[in-house]
Amino acid sequence: REVPGDSGPVEEPTRRVLHLARARRRTRFGGVAIQWHLGRTREPRRPTFQKGVEVFDADCVGPVVELRHWRPGDRFQPIGMARPVKLQDLFVNAKIPRQRRHELIVAATPAGEIWWVEGLRIGEKFKVTPATVRRLHWRWGRSG
């Protein structure tokens, strides 16, 4: 079924698949409005910090992503960490309340590799580097 103003069909209420290159580059999921655009890298500088905005290596993320909520057993490798860790452990260390953990949105590749968790650092493997050719600009905001 199509959702007006959305990027595509809703597969089930707990997950949404996005095709990043489609014309409509925005969606709402789990109380979060998300917008994105793809762009070529013009210079090798680091992205500047902006609340609610992240920049990723678009070729590492890929053309299709899945939005969903945290699931027990999920693993994530935040930028600066040597290997993936349990997302539950990151939530506990960040003092995110148990109820809030289930509200947060994660974005993953079709293979299930998480590259973004709402409110946490970006994924190490998906960061912009000097080798980055295309950038994925990801903007989000929670309503209410």
N, C-alpha and C. Protein backbone atom coordinates (compact mmCIF):
# COMPACT_ATOMS: atom_id res chain seq x y z
N ARG A 1 0.85 -1.18 0.00
CA ARG A 1 0.00 0.00 0.00
C ARG A 1 0.88 1.23 0.00
N GLU A 2 0.49 2.24 -0.74
CA GLU A 2 1.25 3.48 -0.83
C GLU A 2 0.80 4.43 0.29
N VAL A 3 1.73 5.15 0.85
CA VAL A 3 1.43 6.15 1.87
C VAL A 3 1.66 7.52 1.24
N PRO A 4 0.65 8.41 1.24
CA PRO A 4 0.83 9.74 0.62
C PRO A 4 2.03 10.47 1.22
N GLY A 5 2.82 11.10 0.35
CA GLY A 5 3.97 11.88 0.80
C GLY A 5 5.12 11.01 1.26
N ASP A 6 5.12 9.75 0.89
CA ASP A 6 6.14 8.83 1.37
C ASP A 6 7.02 8.38 0.21
N SER A 7 8.09 7.69 0.54
CA SER A 7 9.04 7.27 -0.48
C SER A 7 8.67 5.94 -1.10
N GLY A 8 7.64 5.28 -0.64
CA GLY A 8 7.30 4.01 -1.23
C GLY A 8 6.34 3.23 -0.36
N PRO A 9 6.16 1.96 -0.70
CA PRO A 9 5.19 1.13 0.01
C PRO A 9 5.64 0.82 1.43
N VAL A 10 4.67 0.56 2.28
CA VAL A 10 4.94 0.15 3.64
C VAL A 10 4.86 -1.37 3.66
N GLU A 11 5.96 -2.03 3.99
CA GLU A 11 5.97 -3.48 4.00
C GLU A 11 5.26 -4.02 5.24
N GLU A 12 5.48 -3.40 6.38
CA GLU A 12 4.83 -3.74 7.63
C GLU A 12 5.03 -2.57 8.57
N PRO A 13 4.22 -2.43 9.61
CA PRO A 13 4.30 -1.23 10.44
C PRO A 13 5.60 -1.08 11.22
N THR A 14 6.38 -2.12 11.37
CA THR A 14 7.60 -2.04 12.17
C THR A 14 8.85 -1.85 11.34
N ARG A 15 8.70 -1.75 10.03
CA ARG A 15 9.88 -1.52 9.19
C ARG A 15 9.46 -0.85 7.90
N ARG A 16 10.41 -0.14 7.30
CA ARG A 16 10.17 0.52 6.03
C ARG A 16 11.42 0.41 5.18
N VAL A 17 11.25 0.07 3.92
CA VAL A 17 12.37 -0.01 2.99
C VAL A 17 12.36 1.26 2.15
N LEU A 18 13.53 1.92 2.07
CA LEU A 18 13.68 3.14 1.28
C LEU A 18 14.61 2.89 0.11
N HIS A 19 14.24 3.45 -1.04
CA HIS A 19 15.11 3.44 -2.22
C HIS A 19 15.65 4.86 -2.32
N LEU A 20 16.90 5.04 -1.98
CA LEU A 20 17.47 6.37 -1.80
C LEU A 20 17.51 7.23 -3.06
N ALA A 21 17.54 6.61 -4.24
CA ALA A 21 17.66 7.38 -5.47
C ALA A 21 16.29 7.82 -6.03
N ARG A 22 15.20 7.42 -5.41
CA ARG A 22 13.88 7.82 -5.90
C ARG A 22 13.68 9.33 -5.78
N ALA A 23 12.74 9.84 -6.57
CA ALA A 23 12.50 11.28 -6.62
C ALA A 23 12.07 11.84 -5.26
N ARG A 24 11.15 11.18 -4.57
CA ARG A 24 10.69 11.66 -3.27
C ARG A 24 11.70 11.22 -2.22
N ARG A 25 12.36 12.18 -1.62
CA ARG A 25 13.45 11.88 -0.70
C ARG A 25 13.11 12.28 0.72
N ARG A 26 11.95 11.82 1.17
CA ARG A 26 11.55 12.06 2.55
C ARG A 26 10.54 11.00 2.96
N THR A 27 10.48 10.77 4.25
CA THR A 27 9.52 9.82 4.79
C THR A 27 9.27 10.14 6.25
N ARG A 28 8.26 9.53 6.80
CA ARG A 28 7.97 9.58 8.24
C ARG A 28 7.92 8.15 8.71
N PHE A 29 8.58 7.91 9.83
CA PHE A 29 8.58 6.55 10.38
C PHE A 29 8.77 6.64 11.89
N GLY A 30 7.91 5.99 12.64
CA GLY A 30 8.06 5.94 14.08
C GLY A 30 8.13 7.29 14.76
N GLY A 31 7.37 8.28 14.23
CA GLY A 31 7.38 9.61 14.83
C GLY A 31 8.55 10.47 14.42
N VAL A 32 9.33 10.02 13.43
CA VAL A 32 10.50 10.75 12.97
C VAL A 32 10.33 11.11 11.49
N ALA A 33 10.55 12.39 11.19
CA ALA A 33 10.56 12.84 9.80
C ALA A 33 12.00 12.75 9.31
N ILE A 34 12.20 12.10 8.18
CA ILE A 34 13.55 11.90 7.63
C ILE A 34 13.58 12.43 6.21
N GLN A 35 14.63 13.18 5.91
CA GLN A 35 14.88 13.66 4.55
C GLN A 35 16.31 13.28 4.18
N TRP A 36 16.57 13.09 2.91
CA TRP A 36 17.92 12.76 2.47
C TRP A 36 18.14 13.26 1.05
N HIS A 37 19.38 13.43 0.72
CA HIS A 37 19.75 13.65 -0.67
C HIS A 37 21.16 13.13 -0.89
N LEU A 38 21.41 12.78 -2.13
CA LEU A 38 22.72 12.27 -2.53
C LEU A 38 23.46 13.36 -3.28
N GLY A 39 24.77 13.46 -3.05
CA GLY A 39 25.56 14.47 -3.73
C GLY A 39 26.98 14.00 -3.94
N ARG A 40 27.59 14.52 -4.94
CA ARG A 40 29.00 14.23 -5.22
C ARG A 40 29.88 14.98 -4.24
N THR A 41 31.00 14.38 -3.88
CA THR A 41 31.95 15.03 -3.00
C THR A 41 32.80 15.97 -3.83
N ARG A 42 32.81 17.24 -3.45
CA ARG A 42 33.58 18.23 -4.19
C ARG A 42 34.94 18.48 -3.56
N GLU A 43 35.01 18.27 -2.28
CA GLU A 43 36.28 18.51 -1.60
C GLU A 43 36.42 17.50 -0.45
N PRO A 44 37.62 17.20 -0.05
CA PRO A 44 37.83 16.17 0.96
C PRO A 44 37.65 16.63 2.40
N ARG A 45 36.93 17.71 2.63
CA ARG A 45 36.77 18.20 4.00
C ARG A 45 35.72 17.38 4.75
N ARG A 46 35.84 17.43 6.07
CA ARG A 46 34.88 16.73 6.93
C ARG A 46 33.57 17.50 6.97
N PRO A 47 32.47 16.78 7.10
CA PRO A 47 31.18 17.48 7.25
C PRO A 47 31.16 18.26 8.57
N THR A 48 30.48 19.41 8.56
CA THR A 48 30.37 20.20 9.79
C THR A 48 29.21 19.67 10.63
N PHE A 49 29.31 19.80 11.95
CA PHE A 49 28.27 19.30 12.84
C PHE A 49 27.03 20.17 12.77
N GLN A 50 25.89 19.50 12.68
CA GLN A 50 24.59 20.15 12.71
C GLN A 50 23.64 19.18 13.41
N LYS A 51 22.92 19.64 14.42
CA LYS A 51 21.99 18.77 15.14
C LYS A 51 20.93 18.22 14.18
N GLY A 52 20.72 16.92 14.24
CA GLY A 52 19.73 16.28 13.38
C GLY A 52 20.17 16.06 11.96
N VAL A 53 21.47 16.19 11.70
CA VAL A 53 22.01 15.99 10.35
C VAL A 53 23.26 15.13 10.44
N GLU A 54 23.35 14.15 9.58
CA GLU A 54 24.56 13.32 9.47
C GLU A 54 24.91 13.18 8.00
N VAL A 55 26.17 12.91 7.72
CA VAL A 55 26.63 12.70 6.35
C VAL A 55 27.36 11.37 6.31
N PHE A 56 27.03 10.55 5.31
CA PHE A 56 27.59 9.21 5.17
C PHE A 56 28.19 9.03 3.79
N ASP A 57 29.02 8.02 3.64
CA ASP A 57 29.52 7.61 2.33
C ASP A 57 28.38 6.86 1.66
N ALA A 58 27.78 7.46 0.64
CA ALA A 58 26.60 6.90 0.00
C ALA A 58 26.87 5.53 -0.64
N ASP A 59 28.06 5.34 -1.17
CA ASP A 59 28.38 4.06 -1.81
C ASP A 59 28.52 2.94 -0.79
N CYS A 60 28.93 3.26 0.43
CA CYS A 60 28.99 2.26 1.49
C CYS A 60 27.60 1.91 1.99
N VAL A 61 26.73 2.90 2.09
CA VAL A 61 25.36 2.67 2.55
C VAL A 61 24.60 1.83 1.52
N GLY A 62 24.74 2.18 0.24
CA GLY A 62 24.04 1.47 -0.82
C GLY A 62 22.74 2.16 -1.21
N PRO A 63 22.07 1.67 -2.26
CA PRO A 63 20.88 2.34 -2.79
C PRO A 63 19.58 2.03 -2.03
N VAL A 64 19.58 0.98 -1.23
CA VAL A 64 18.37 0.57 -0.52
C VAL A 64 18.70 0.45 0.96
N VAL A 65 17.83 1.00 1.81
CA VAL A 65 18.04 0.90 3.26
C VAL A 65 16.73 0.49 3.93
N GLU A 66 16.88 -0.04 5.12
CA GLU A 66 15.73 -0.43 5.92
C GLU A 66 15.69 0.42 7.18
N LEU A 67 14.53 1.02 7.46
CA LEU A 67 14.31 1.71 8.73
C LEU A 67 13.52 0.77 9.61
N ARG A 68 13.90 0.70 10.87
CA ARG A 68 13.20 -0.16 11.81
C ARG A 68 13.56 0.28 13.21
N HIS A 69 13.05 -0.43 14.18
CA HIS A 69 13.37 -0.17 15.57
C HIS A 69 14.40 -1.20 16.04
N TRP A 70 15.05 -0.88 17.15
CA TRP A 70 16.04 -1.76 17.75
C TRP A 70 15.43 -3.11 18.07
N ARG A 71 16.24 -4.15 17.84
CA ARG A 71 15.85 -5.51 18.18
C ARG A 71 16.91 -6.09 19.10
N PRO A 72 16.52 -6.84 20.11
CA PRO A 72 17.52 -7.48 20.97
C PRO A 72 18.50 -8.28 20.10
N GLY A 73 19.77 -8.16 20.42
CA GLY A 73 20.80 -8.86 19.65
C GLY A 73 21.43 -8.02 18.56
N ASP A 74 20.84 -6.85 18.23
CA ASP A 74 21.43 -5.97 17.22
C ASP A 74 22.83 -5.57 17.63
N ARG A 75 23.71 -5.51 16.65
CA ARG A 75 25.08 -5.07 16.89
C ARG A 75 25.35 -3.86 15.99
N PHE A 76 26.22 -2.97 16.50
CA PHE A 76 26.49 -1.71 15.80
C PHE A 76 27.92 -1.30 16.11
N GLN A 77 28.60 -0.77 15.10
CA GLN A 77 29.97 -0.29 15.28
C GLN A 77 29.99 1.22 15.11
N PRO A 78 29.87 1.97 16.23
CA PRO A 78 29.91 3.43 16.13
C PRO A 78 31.28 3.92 15.66
N ILE A 79 31.31 5.07 15.07
CA ILE A 79 32.55 5.67 14.60
C ILE A 79 33.55 5.73 15.77
N GLY A 80 34.77 5.33 15.50
CA GLY A 80 35.82 5.34 16.51
C GLY A 80 36.00 4.03 17.25
N MET A 81 35.06 3.10 17.10
CA MET A 81 35.19 1.81 17.79
C MET A 81 35.80 0.78 16.83
N ALA A 82 36.60 -0.12 17.40
CA ALA A 82 37.33 -1.10 16.60
C ALA A 82 36.45 -2.21 16.05
N ARG A 83 35.36 -2.52 16.75
CA ARG A 83 34.48 -3.61 16.31
C ARG A 83 33.05 -3.36 16.78
N PRO A 84 32.12 -4.09 16.18
CA PRO A 84 30.72 -3.92 16.59
C PRO A 84 30.49 -4.37 18.04
N VAL A 85 29.53 -3.71 18.68
CA VAL A 85 29.13 -4.05 20.05
C VAL A 85 27.61 -4.17 20.07
N LYS A 86 27.10 -4.76 21.12
CA LYS A 86 25.65 -4.88 21.23
C LYS A 86 25.05 -3.50 21.40
N LEU A 87 24.02 -3.24 20.63
CA LEU A 87 23.34 -1.96 20.70
C LEU A 87 22.77 -1.76 22.11
N GLN A 88 22.30 -2.82 22.72
CA GLN A 88 21.80 -2.75 24.11
C GLN A 88 22.86 -2.16 25.04
N ASP A 89 24.13 -2.61 24.88
CA ASP A 89 25.21 -2.10 25.73
C ASP A 89 25.44 -0.61 25.49
N LEU A 90 25.35 -0.18 24.24
CA LEU A 90 25.50 1.25 23.94
C LEU A 90 24.39 2.06 24.59
N PHE A 91 23.18 1.54 24.53
CA PHE A 91 22.05 2.23 25.16
C PHE A 91 22.26 2.36 26.67
N VAL A 92 22.69 1.28 27.29
CA VAL A 92 22.92 1.31 28.74
C VAL A 92 24.01 2.31 29.08
N ASN A 93 25.12 2.27 28.35
CA ASN A 93 26.24 3.19 28.61
C ASN A 93 25.85 4.65 28.38
N ALA A 94 24.94 4.88 27.43
CA ALA A 94 24.48 6.25 27.15
C ALA A 94 23.32 6.66 28.07
N LYS A 95 22.94 5.75 28.98
CA LYS A 95 21.86 6.00 29.95
C LYS A 95 20.52 6.33 29.27
N ILE A 96 20.26 5.62 28.17
CA ILE A 96 18.98 5.78 27.48
C ILE A 96 17.96 4.87 28.17
N PRO A 97 16.86 5.44 28.66
CA PRO A 97 15.86 4.63 29.37
C PRO A 97 15.34 3.48 28.51
N ARG A 98 15.01 2.39 29.17
CA ARG A 98 14.55 1.17 28.50
C ARG A 98 13.41 1.45 27.52
N GLN A 99 12.38 2.18 27.94
CA GLN A 99 11.24 2.47 27.06
C GLN A 99 11.69 3.26 25.83
N ARG A 100 12.58 4.21 26.00
CA ARG A 100 13.06 5.07 24.90
C ARG A 100 13.82 4.25 23.86
N ARG A 101 14.54 3.23 24.29
CA ARG A 101 15.33 2.39 23.38
C ARG A 101 14.46 1.81 22.27
N HIS A 102 13.24 1.43 22.62
CA HIS A 102 12.36 0.79 21.65
C HIS A 102 11.71 1.81 20.71
N GLU A 103 11.81 3.08 21.02
CA GLU A 103 11.27 4.13 20.16
C GLU A 103 12.29 4.60 19.13
N LEU A 104 13.57 4.44 19.43
CA LEU A 104 14.62 4.94 18.54
C LEU A 104 14.62 4.18 17.21
N ILE A 105 14.94 4.92 16.15
CA ILE A 105 14.99 4.36 14.80
C ILE A 105 16.42 3.96 14.46
N VAL A 106 16.56 2.84 13.77
CA VAL A 106 17.86 2.45 13.23
C VAL A 106 17.71 2.32 11.72
N ALA A 107 18.80 2.55 11.00
CA ALA A 107 18.84 2.35 9.55
C ALA A 107 19.90 1.30 9.27
N ALA A 108 19.55 0.35 8.41
CA ALA A 108 20.44 -0.76 8.12
C ALA A 108 20.48 -1.03 6.62
N THR A 109 21.55 -1.69 6.20
CA THR A 109 21.67 -2.14 4.82
C THR A 109 20.75 -3.36 4.63
N PRO A 110 20.51 -3.78 3.38
CA PRO A 110 19.70 -4.98 3.17
C PRO A 110 20.32 -6.23 3.83
N ALA A 111 21.63 -6.21 4.04
CA ALA A 111 22.30 -7.33 4.71
C ALA A 111 22.15 -7.27 6.23
N GLY A 112 21.54 -6.18 6.73
CA GLY A 112 21.29 -6.05 8.16
C GLY A 112 22.34 -5.28 8.93
N GLU A 113 23.32 -4.70 8.24
CA GLU A 113 24.37 -3.95 8.93
C GLU A 113 23.86 -2.54 9.26
N ILE A 114 23.83 -2.21 10.54
CA ILE A 114 23.31 -0.92 10.99
C ILE A 114 24.34 0.18 10.73
N TRP A 115 23.89 1.27 10.09
CA TRP A 115 24.80 2.38 9.79
C TRP A 115 24.39 3.67 10.50
N TRP A 116 23.17 3.70 11.06
CA TRP A 116 22.71 4.89 11.79
C TRP A 116 21.76 4.46 12.88
N VAL A 117 21.92 5.07 14.05
CA VAL A 117 21.00 4.90 15.16
C VAL A 117 20.62 6.30 15.62
N GLU A 118 19.34 6.58 15.64
CA GLU A 118 18.85 7.90 16.02
C GLU A 118 19.47 8.35 17.34
N GLY A 119 20.18 9.48 17.31
CA GLY A 119 20.75 10.06 18.51
C GLY A 119 22.13 9.56 18.92
N LEU A 120 22.66 8.54 18.22
CA LEU A 120 24.00 8.04 18.54
C LEU A 120 24.97 8.42 17.42
N ARG A 121 26.23 8.04 17.61
CA ARG A 121 27.24 8.30 16.58
C ARG A 121 26.94 7.48 15.32
N ILE A 122 27.49 7.90 14.19
CA ILE A 122 27.29 7.17 12.94
C ILE A 122 28.13 5.90 12.93
N GLY A 123 27.86 5.03 11.97
CA GLY A 123 28.61 3.78 11.83
C GLY A 123 30.00 4.01 11.27
N GLU A 124 30.97 3.36 11.86
CA GLU A 124 32.39 3.48 11.46
C GLU A 124 32.59 3.18 9.97
N LYS A 125 32.00 2.13 9.48
CA LYS A 125 32.23 1.70 8.09
C LYS A 125 31.55 2.60 7.07
N PHE A 126 30.72 3.53 7.54
CA PHE A 126 29.92 4.35 6.64
C PHE A 126 30.30 5.83 6.68
N LYS A 127 31.37 6.13 7.38
CA LYS A 127 31.79 7.54 7.51
C LYS A 127 32.40 8.05 6.21
N VAL A 128 32.41 9.36 6.07
CA VAL A 128 33.02 10.01 4.92
C VAL A 128 34.53 9.98 5.11
N THR A 129 35.24 9.56 4.06
CA THR A 129 36.71 9.50 4.07
C THR A 129 37.23 10.23 2.83
N PRO A 130 38.55 10.40 2.71
CA PRO A 130 39.09 11.02 1.49
C PRO A 130 38.74 10.23 0.23
N ALA A 131 38.42 8.95 0.35
CA ALA A 131 38.07 8.13 -0.81
C ALA A 131 36.59 8.23 -1.18
N THR A 132 35.80 8.92 -0.38
CA THR A 132 34.36 9.04 -0.64
C THR A 132 34.10 9.79 -1.94
N VAL A 133 33.25 9.21 -2.78
CA VAL A 133 32.89 9.83 -4.06
C VAL A 133 31.52 10.50 -3.95
N ARG A 134 30.56 9.82 -3.32
CA ARG A 134 29.21 10.36 -3.16
C ARG A 134 28.84 10.39 -1.69
N ARG A 135 28.15 11.45 -1.30
CA ARG A 135 27.71 11.59 0.10
C ARG A 135 26.20 11.44 0.20
N LEU A 136 25.78 10.82 1.29
CA LEU A 136 24.38 10.75 1.64
C LEU A 136 24.17 11.74 2.78
N HIS A 137 23.38 12.78 2.53
CA HIS A 137 23.06 13.77 3.55
C HIS A 137 21.73 13.34 4.17
N TRP A 138 21.73 13.07 5.46
CA TRP A 138 20.61 12.47 6.20
C TRP A 138 20.16 13.45 7.27
N ARG A 139 18.92 13.90 7.20
CA ARG A 139 18.39 14.87 8.17
C ARG A 139 17.14 14.26 8.80
N TRP A 140 17.03 14.40 10.12
CA TRP A 140 15.87 13.85 10.81
C TRP A 140 15.45 14.74 11.96
N GLY A 141 14.19 14.59 12.33
CA GLY A 141 13.64 15.31 13.46
C GLY A 141 12.42 14.58 14.00
N ARG A 142 12.33 14.53 15.29
CA ARG A 142 11.21 13.85 15.94
C ARG A 142 10.12 14.88 16.20
N SER A 143 8.90 14.54 15.83
CA SER A 143 7.78 15.45 16.07
C SER A 143 7.17 15.17 17.43
N GLY A 144 6.69 16.20 18.06
CA GLY A 144 6.02 16.06 19.35
C GLY A 144 6.93 16.02 20.43
